[in-house]
PDB file of N, CA and C in Angstrom:
ATOM      1  N   UNK A   1      54.017 -16.690 -28.225  1.00  0.00           N
ATOM      2  CA  UNK A   1      54.911 -17.605 -27.541  1.00  0.00           C
ATOM      3  C   UNK A   1      55.978 -16.650 -26.490  1.00  0.00           C
ATOM      4  N   UNK A   2      56.736 -16.307 -27.346  1.00  0.00           N
ATOM      5  CA  UNK A   2      57.702 -14.832 -26.827  1.00  0.00           C
ATOM      6  C   UNK A   2      56.850 -14.257 -25.789  1.00  0.00           C
ATOM      7  N   UNK A   3      55.758 -13.527 -26.202  1.00  0.00           N
ATOM      8  CA  UNK A   3      54.918 -12.752 -24.623  1.00  0.00           C
ATOM      9  C   UNK A   3      54.479 -13.118 -23.719  1.00  0.00           C
ATOM     10  N   UNK A   4      54.029 -14.736 -24.067  1.00  0.00           N
ATOM     11  CA  UNK A   4      53.663 -15.383 -22.704  1.00  0.00           C
ATOM     12  C   UNK A   4      54.834 -15.999 -21.953  1.00  0.00           C
ATOM     13  N   UNK A   5      56.030 -16.010 -22.218  1.00  0.00           N
ATOM     14  CA  UNK A   5      57.118 -15.983 -21.609  1.00  0.00           C
ATOM     15  C   UNK A   5      57.267 -15.264 -21.179  1.00  0.00           C
ATOM     16  N   UNK A   6      57.323 -13.307 -21.813  1.00  0.00           N
ATOM     17  CA  UNK A   6      57.920 -12.391 -20.923  1.00  0.00           C
ATOM     18  C   UNK A   6      57.062 -12.312 -19.776  1.00  0.00           C
ATOM     19  N   UNK A   7      55.704 -12.477 -19.973  1.00  0.00           N
ATOM     20  CA  UNK A   7      54.562 -11.643 -19.170  1.00  0.00           C
ATOM     21  C   UNK A   7      54.571 -12.720 -18.001  1.00  0.00           C
ATOM     22  N   UNK A   8      55.150 -13.699 -17.752  1.00  0.00           N
ATOM     23  CA  UNK A   8      55.410 -15.544 -17.172  1.00  0.00           C
ATOM     24  C   UNK A   8      57.178 -14.416 -16.059  1.00  0.00           C
ATOM     25  N   UNK A   9      57.460 -14.387 -16.653  1.00  0.00           N
ATOM     26  CA  UNK A   9      58.774 -13.453 -16.604  1.00  0.00           C
ATOM     27  C   UNK A   9      58.648 -12.833 -15.357  1.00  0.00           C
ATOM     28  N   UNK A  10      57.628 -11.508 -15.817  1.00  0.00           N
ATOM     29  CA  UNK A  10      57.854 -10.485 -15.611  1.00  0.00           C
ATOM     30  C   UNK A  10      56.883 -10.654 -13.908  1.00  0.00           C
ATOM     31  N   UNK A  11      55.908 -11.578 -14.543  1.00  0.00           N
ATOM     32  CA  UNK A  11      55.095 -11.799 -13.219  1.00  0.00           C
ATOM     33  C   UNK A  11      55.238 -12.629 -12.012  1.00  0.00           C
ATOM     34  N   UNK A  12      56.476 -13.367 -12.783  1.00  0.00           N
ATOM     35  CA  UNK A  12      57.030 -14.057 -11.365  1.00  0.00           C
ATOM     36  C   UNK A  12      58.185 -13.372 -10.418  1.00  0.00           C
ATOM     37  N   UNK A  13      58.601 -12.467 -11.132  1.00  0.00           N
ATOM     38  CA  UNK A  13      59.793 -10.931 -10.711  1.00  0.00           C
ATOM     39  C   UNK A  13      58.747 -10.205  -9.630  1.00  0.00           C
ATOM     40  N   UNK A  14      57.694  -9.626 -10.588  1.00  0.00           N
ATOM     41  CA  UNK A  14      56.480  -8.915  -9.854  1.00  0.00           C
ATOM     42  C   UNK A  14      56.038 -10.022  -8.209  1.00  0.00           C
ATOM     43  N   UNK A  15      56.126 -10.871  -8.143  1.00  0.00           N
ATOM     44  CA  UNK A  15      55.586 -11.488  -7.235  1.00  0.00           C
ATOM     45  C   UNK A  15      56.651 -11.402  -5.836  1.00  0.00           C
ATOM     46  N   UNK A  16      58.128 -12.319  -6.736  1.00  0.00           N
ATOM     47  CA  UNK A  16      58.885 -12.542  -5.921  1.00  0.00           C
ATOM     48  C   UNK A  16      59.258 -10.654  -4.669  1.00  0.00           C
ATOM     49  N   UNK A  17      59.311  -9.512  -5.640  1.00  0.00           N
ATOM     50  CA  UNK A  17      59.506  -8.581  -4.770  1.00  0.00           C
ATOM     51  C   UNK A  17      58.131  -7.701  -3.967  1.00  0.00           C
ATOM     52  N   UNK A  18      56.869  -8.470  -4.272  1.00  0.00           N
ATOM     53  CA  UNK A  18      55.933  -8.125  -3.066  1.00  0.00           C
ATOM     54  C   UNK A  18      56.227  -9.148  -2.020  1.00  0.00           C
ATOM     55  N   UNK A  19      56.004 -10.282  -2.375  1.00  0.00           N
ATOM     56  CA  UNK A  19      56.886 -11.199  -1.010  1.00  0.00           C
ATOM     57  C   UNK A  19      57.938 -10.236  -0.656  1.00  0.00           C
ATOM     58  N   UNK A  20      59.457  -9.640  -0.626  1.00  0.00           N
ATOM     59  CA  UNK A  20      60.063  -9.102  -0.056  1.00  0.00           C
ATOM     60  C   UNK A  20      59.478  -8.218   0.397  1.00  0.00           C
ATOM     61  N   UNK A  21      59.019  -7.460  -0.004  1.00  0.00           N
ATOM     62  CA  UNK A  21      58.006  -6.690   0.788  1.00  0.00           C
ATOM     63  C   UNK A  21      57.439  -6.051   1.723  1.00  0.00           C
ATOM     64  N   UNK A  22      56.799  -7.384   1.790  1.00  0.00           N
ATOM     65  CA  UNK A  22      55.803  -7.408   2.491  1.00  0.00           C
ATOM     66  C   UNK A  22      55.928  -8.017   3.862  1.00  0.00           C
ATOM     67  N   UNK A  23      57.246  -8.561   3.869  1.00  0.00           N
ATOM     68  CA  UNK A  23      58.338  -9.166   4.844  1.00  0.00           C
ATOM     69  C   UNK A  23      58.697  -7.612   6.091  1.00  0.00           C
ATOM     70  N   UNK A  24      59.127  -6.395   5.013  1.00  0.00           N
ATOM     71  CA  UNK A  24      59.394  -5.818   5.417  1.00  0.00           C
ATOM     72  C   UNK A  24      59.145  -5.008   6.373  1.00  0.00           C
ATOM     73  N   UNK A  25      59.573  -4.779   8.046  1.00  0.00           N
ATOM     74  CA  UNK A  25      59.041  -3.990   8.719  1.00  0.00           C
ATOM     75  C   UNK A  25      58.891  -2.658   8.388  1.00  0.00           C
ATOM     76  N   UNK A  26      60.272  -2.551   7.909  1.00  0.00           N
ATOM     77  CA  UNK A  26      59.648  -0.658   7.696  1.00  0.00           C
ATOM     78  C   UNK A  26      58.751  -0.454   6.536  1.00  0.00           C
ATOM     79  N   UNK A  27      58.011  -1.232   5.861  1.00  0.00           N
ATOM     80  CA  UNK A  27      57.460  -1.273   4.441  1.00  0.00           C
ATOM     81  C   UNK A  27      55.921  -1.513   5.643  1.00  0.00           C
ATOM     82  N   UNK A  28      55.466  -2.252   6.571  1.00  0.00           N
ATOM     83  CA  UNK A  28      54.312  -2.937   7.443  1.00  0.00           C
ATOM     84  C   UNK A  28      54.317  -1.566   8.324  1.00  0.00           C
ATOM     85  N   UNK A  29      55.342  -0.781   8.995  1.00  0.00           N
ATOM     86  CA  UNK A  29      55.167   0.289   9.464  1.00  0.00           C
ATOM     87  C   UNK A  29      54.826   1.740   9.161  1.00  0.00           C
ATOM     88  N   UNK A  30      55.193   1.707   8.157  1.00  0.00           N
ATOM     89  CA  UNK A  30      54.709   2.760   7.104  1.00  0.00           C
ATOM     90  C   UNK A  30      53.438   2.712   7.125  1.00  0.00           C
ATOM     91  N   UNK A  31      52.374   1.630   6.812  1.00  0.00           N
ATOM     92  CA  UNK A  31      51.289   1.018   5.840  1.00  0.00           C
ATOM     93  C   UNK A  31      50.746   1.811   7.442  1.00  0.00           C
ATOM     94  N   UNK A  32      50.948   0.877   8.510  1.00  0.00           N
ATOM     95  CA  UNK A  32      50.387   1.350   9.908  1.00  0.00           C
ATOM     96  C   UNK A  32      50.071   3.180  10.422  1.00  0.00           C
ATOM     97  N   UNK A  33      51.577   3.209  10.226  1.00  0.00           N
ATOM     98  CA  UNK A  33      51.333   4.927  10.657  1.00  0.00           C
ATOM     99  C   UNK A  33      50.195   5.287   9.452  1.00  0.00           C
ATOM    100  N   UNK A  34      50.118   5.307   8.165  1.00  0.00           N
ATOM    101  CA  UNK A  34      49.311   5.971   7.253  1.00  0.00           C
ATOM    102  C   UNK A  34      48.026   5.580   7.849  1.00  0.00           C
ATOM    103  N   UNK A  35      47.215   4.275   8.037  1.00  0.00           N
ATOM    104  CA  UNK A  35      46.420   3.897   8.385  1.00  0.00           C
ATOM    105  C   UNK A  35      45.811   4.688   9.899  1.00  0.00           C
ATOM    106  N   UNK A  36      46.445   5.082  10.682  1.00  0.00           N
ATOM    107  CA  UNK A  36      46.216   5.531  11.819  1.00  0.00           C
ATOM    108  C   UNK A  36      46.141   6.926  11.876  1.00  0.00           C
ATOM    109  N   UNK A  37      46.677   7.888  11.224  1.00  0.00           N
ATOM    110  CA  UNK A  37      47.344   9.273  10.405  1.00  0.00           C
ATOM    111  C   UNK A  37      45.495   9.326   9.672  1.00  0.00           C
ATOM    112  N   UNK A  38      45.417   8.394   9.250  1.00  0.00           N
ATOM    113  CA  UNK A  38      43.979   8.529   8.288  1.00  0.00           C
ATOM    114  C   UNK A  38      42.900   8.699   9.104  1.00  0.00           C
ATOM    115  N   UNK A  39      42.738   7.740  10.402  1.00  0.00           N
ATOM    116  CA  UNK A  39      41.727   7.727  10.961  1.00  0.00           C
ATOM    117  C   UNK A  39      41.964   8.938  12.303  1.00  0.00           C
ATOM    118  N   UNK A  40      42.808   9.562  11.856  1.00  0.00           N
ATOM    119  CA  UNK A  40      42.982  10.927  13.145  1.00  0.00           C
ATOM    120  C   UNK A  40      42.320  12.131  12.473  1.00  0.00           C
ATOM    121  N   UNK A  41      42.651  11.969  11.168  1.00  0.00           N
ATOM    122  CA  UNK A  41      41.987  13.179   9.986  1.00  0.00           C
ATOM    123  C   UNK A  41      40.712  13.160   9.827  1.00  0.00           C
ATOM    124  N   UNK A  42      40.037  11.642   9.708  1.00  0.00           N
ATOM    125  CA  UNK A  42      39.037  11.979   9.655  1.00  0.00           C
ATOM    126  C   UNK A  42      37.898  12.181  10.512  1.00  0.00           C
ATOM    127  N   UNK A  43      38.434  11.707  11.634  1.00  0.00           N
ATOM    128  CA  UNK A  43      37.916  12.132  13.515  1.00  0.00           C
ATOM    129  C   UNK A  43      37.973  13.490  13.664  1.00  0.00           C
ATOM    130  N   UNK A  44      38.874  14.116  13.346  1.00  0.00           N
ATOM    131  CA  UNK A  44      38.914  15.570  13.491  1.00  0.00           C
ATOM    132  C   UNK A  44      38.181  16.401  12.668  1.00  0.00           C
ATOM    133  N   UNK A  45      37.887  15.584  10.835  1.00  0.00           N
ATOM    134  CA  UNK A  45      36.779  16.114  10.181  1.00  0.00           C
ATOM    135  C   UNK A  45      35.462  16.176  10.394  1.00  0.00           C
ATOM    136  N   UNK A  46      35.177  14.979  11.264  1.00  0.00           N
ATOM    137  CA  UNK A  46      34.310  14.387  12.374  1.00  0.00           C
ATOM    138  C   UNK A  46      33.165  15.774  13.151  1.00  0.00           C
ATOM    139  N   UNK A  47      35.205  16.277  14.050  1.00  0.00           N
ATOM    140  CA  UNK A  47      35.220  16.869  15.519  1.00  0.00           C
ATOM    141  C   UNK A  47      34.710  18.357  14.947  1.00  0.00           C
ATOM    142  N   UNK A  48      35.166  18.438  13.330  1.00  0.00           N
ATOM    143  CA  UNK A  48      34.896  19.892  12.922  1.00  0.00           C
ATOM    144  C   UNK A  48      33.422  20.141  12.300  1.00  0.00           C
ATOM    145  N   UNK A  49      32.848  19.075  12.225  1.00  0.00           N
ATOM    146  CA  UNK A  49      31.496  19.051  11.338  1.00  0.00           C
ATOM    147  C   UNK A  49      31.921  18.833   9.982  1.00  0.00           C
ATOM    148  N   UNK A  50      32.891  18.760   9.354  1.00  0.00           N
ATOM    149  CA  UNK A  50      32.927  18.678   7.881  1.00  0.00           C
ATOM    150  C   UNK A  50      32.846  16.926   7.261  1.00  0.00           C
ATOM    151  N   UNK A  51      31.940  16.375   7.572  1.00  0.00           N
ATOM    152  CA  UNK A  51      31.890  14.452   7.546  1.00  0.00           C
ATOM    153  C   UNK A  51      30.999  14.895   6.043  1.00  0.00           C
ATOM    154  N   UNK A  52      30.034  15.636   5.868  1.00  0.00           N
ATOM    155  CA  UNK A  52      29.515  15.830   4.305  1.00  0.00           C
ATOM    156  C   UNK A  52      29.636  16.763   3.638  1.00  0.00           C
ATOM    157  N   UNK A  53      29.171  16.657   2.154  1.00  0.00           N
ATOM    158  CA  UNK A  53      29.010  18.307   1.281  1.00  0.00           C
ATOM    159  C   UNK A  53      27.762  19.271   1.683  1.00  0.00           C
ATOM    160  N   UNK A  54      27.187  18.943   2.700  1.00  0.00           N
ATOM    161  CA  UNK A  54      26.416  20.126   3.346  1.00  0.00           C
ATOM    162  C   UNK A  54      27.134  20.492   4.172  1.00  0.00           C
ATOM    163  N   UNK A  55      27.617  19.792   5.393  1.00  0.00           N
ATOM    164  CA  UNK A  55      27.938  19.995   5.990  1.00  0.00           C
ATOM    165  C   UNK A  55      29.553  21.248   6.244  1.00  0.00           C
ATOM    166  N   UNK A  56      30.481  20.782   4.848  1.00  0.00           N
ATOM    167  CA  UNK A  56      31.328  21.240   4.531  1.00  0.00           C
ATOM    168  C   UNK A  56      31.045  23.175   4.103  1.00  0.00           C
ATOM    169  N   UNK A  57      29.444  22.838   3.523  1.00  0.00           N
ATOM    170  CA  UNK A  57      28.710  24.298   2.943  1.00  0.00           C
ATOM    171  C   UNK A  57      28.712  25.106   3.705  1.00  0.00           C
ATOM    172  N   UNK A  58      28.120  24.648   5.158  1.00  0.00           N
ATOM    173  CA  UNK A  58      27.943  25.296   5.950  1.00  0.00           C
ATOM    174  C   UNK A  58      28.673  25.842   7.102  1.00  0.00           C
ATOM    175  N   UNK A  59      30.017  25.184   7.643  1.00  0.00           N
ATOM    176  CA  UNK A  59      31.101  25.745   7.836  1.00  0.00           C
ATOM    177  C   UNK A  59      31.894  26.523   6.893  1.00  0.00           C
ATOM    178  N   UNK A  60      31.632  26.465   5.594  1.00  0.00           N
ATOM    179  CA  UNK A  60      32.145  27.433   4.986  1.00  0.00           C
ATOM    180  C   UNK A  60      31.586  29.343   5.288  1.00  0.00           C
ATOM    181  N   UNK A  61      30.518  28.529   4.914  1.00  0.00           N
ATOM    182  CA  UNK A  61      29.094  29.901   5.941  1.00  0.00           C
ATOM    183  C   UNK A  61      29.892  30.645   6.714  1.00  0.00           C
ATOM    184  N   UNK A  62      30.316  29.779   7.860  1.00  0.00           N
ATOM    185  CA  UNK A  62      29.589  30.142   9.097  1.00  0.00           C
ATOM    186  C   UNK A  62      31.130  30.817   8.812  1.00  0.00           C
ATOM    187  N   UNK A  63      32.076  30.586   8.823  1.00  0.00           N
ATOM    188  CA  UNK A  63      33.962  31.269   8.673  1.00  0.00           C
ATOM    189  C   UNK A  63      33.829  32.573   8.289  1.00  0.00           C
ATOM    190  N   UNK A  64      33.620  33.136   8.943  1.00  0.00           N
ATOM    191  CA  UNK A  64      33.400  35.351   8.138  1.00  0.00           C
ATOM    192  C   UNK A  64      34.764  36.405   6.824  1.00  0.00           C
ATOM    193  N   UNK A  65      36.109  35.143   7.579  1.00  0.00           N
ATOM    194  CA  UNK A  65      37.225  34.812   6.815  1.00  0.00           C
ATOM    195  C   UNK A  65      37.121  34.472   5.106  1.00  0.00           C
ATOM    196  N   UNK A  66      36.183  34.019   5.119  1.00  0.00           N
ATOM    197  CA  UNK A  66      35.726  33.454   3.736  1.00  0.00           C
ATOM    198  C   UNK A  66      34.603  33.718   2.806  1.00  0.00           C
ATOM    199  N   UNK A  67      34.622  33.991   1.963  1.00  0.00           N
ATOM    200  CA  UNK A  67      33.063  34.109   1.112  1.00  0.00           C
ATOM    201  C   UNK A  67      32.244  33.041   0.957  1.00  0.00           C
ATOM    202  N   UNK A  68      30.649  33.871   1.368  1.00  0.00           N
ATOM    203  CA  UNK A  68      29.622  32.642   1.499  1.00  0.00           C
ATOM    204  C   UNK A  68      29.842  31.489   0.003  1.00  0.00           C
ATOM    205  N   UNK A  69      29.569  30.527   0.392  1.00  0.00           N
ATOM    206  CA  UNK A  69      29.211  29.578  -0.164  1.00  0.00           C
ATOM    207  C   UNK A  69      28.292  29.690  -1.692  1.00  0.00           C
ATOM    208  N   UNK A  70      28.330  29.643  -2.925  1.00  0.00           N
ATOM    209  CA  UNK A  70      26.951  30.146  -3.397  1.00  0.00           C
ATOM    210  C   UNK A  70      27.107  28.858  -4.775  1.00  0.00           C
ATOM    211  N   UNK A  71      25.862  27.733  -4.434  1.00  0.00           N
ATOM    212  CA  UNK A  71      26.153  26.359  -5.231  1.00  0.00           C
ATOM    213  C   UNK A  71      25.138  27.464  -6.750  1.00  0.00           C
ATOM    214  N   UNK A  72      26.550  26.543  -7.466  1.00  0.00           N
ATOM    215  CA  UNK A  72      25.654  27.249  -9.160  1.00  0.00           C
ATOM    216  C   UNK A  72      25.023  26.205  -9.881  1.00  0.00           C
TER     217      UNK A  72
END
């Protein structure tokens, strides 16, 4: 009984914090910026040709400053 009550109290507090945080414009702007930065980063990786494991291996092997990739 006590654990059920404590669980409910903590759940209510967590729900209130989530509701308050979701209304905060600073938090929503941070998530929007994160999403935009992630899209830009993925586009840059795609531009460089590093979207799959094989592409990454080929890019490493083409770079003269890096040791050739050896599959173990």
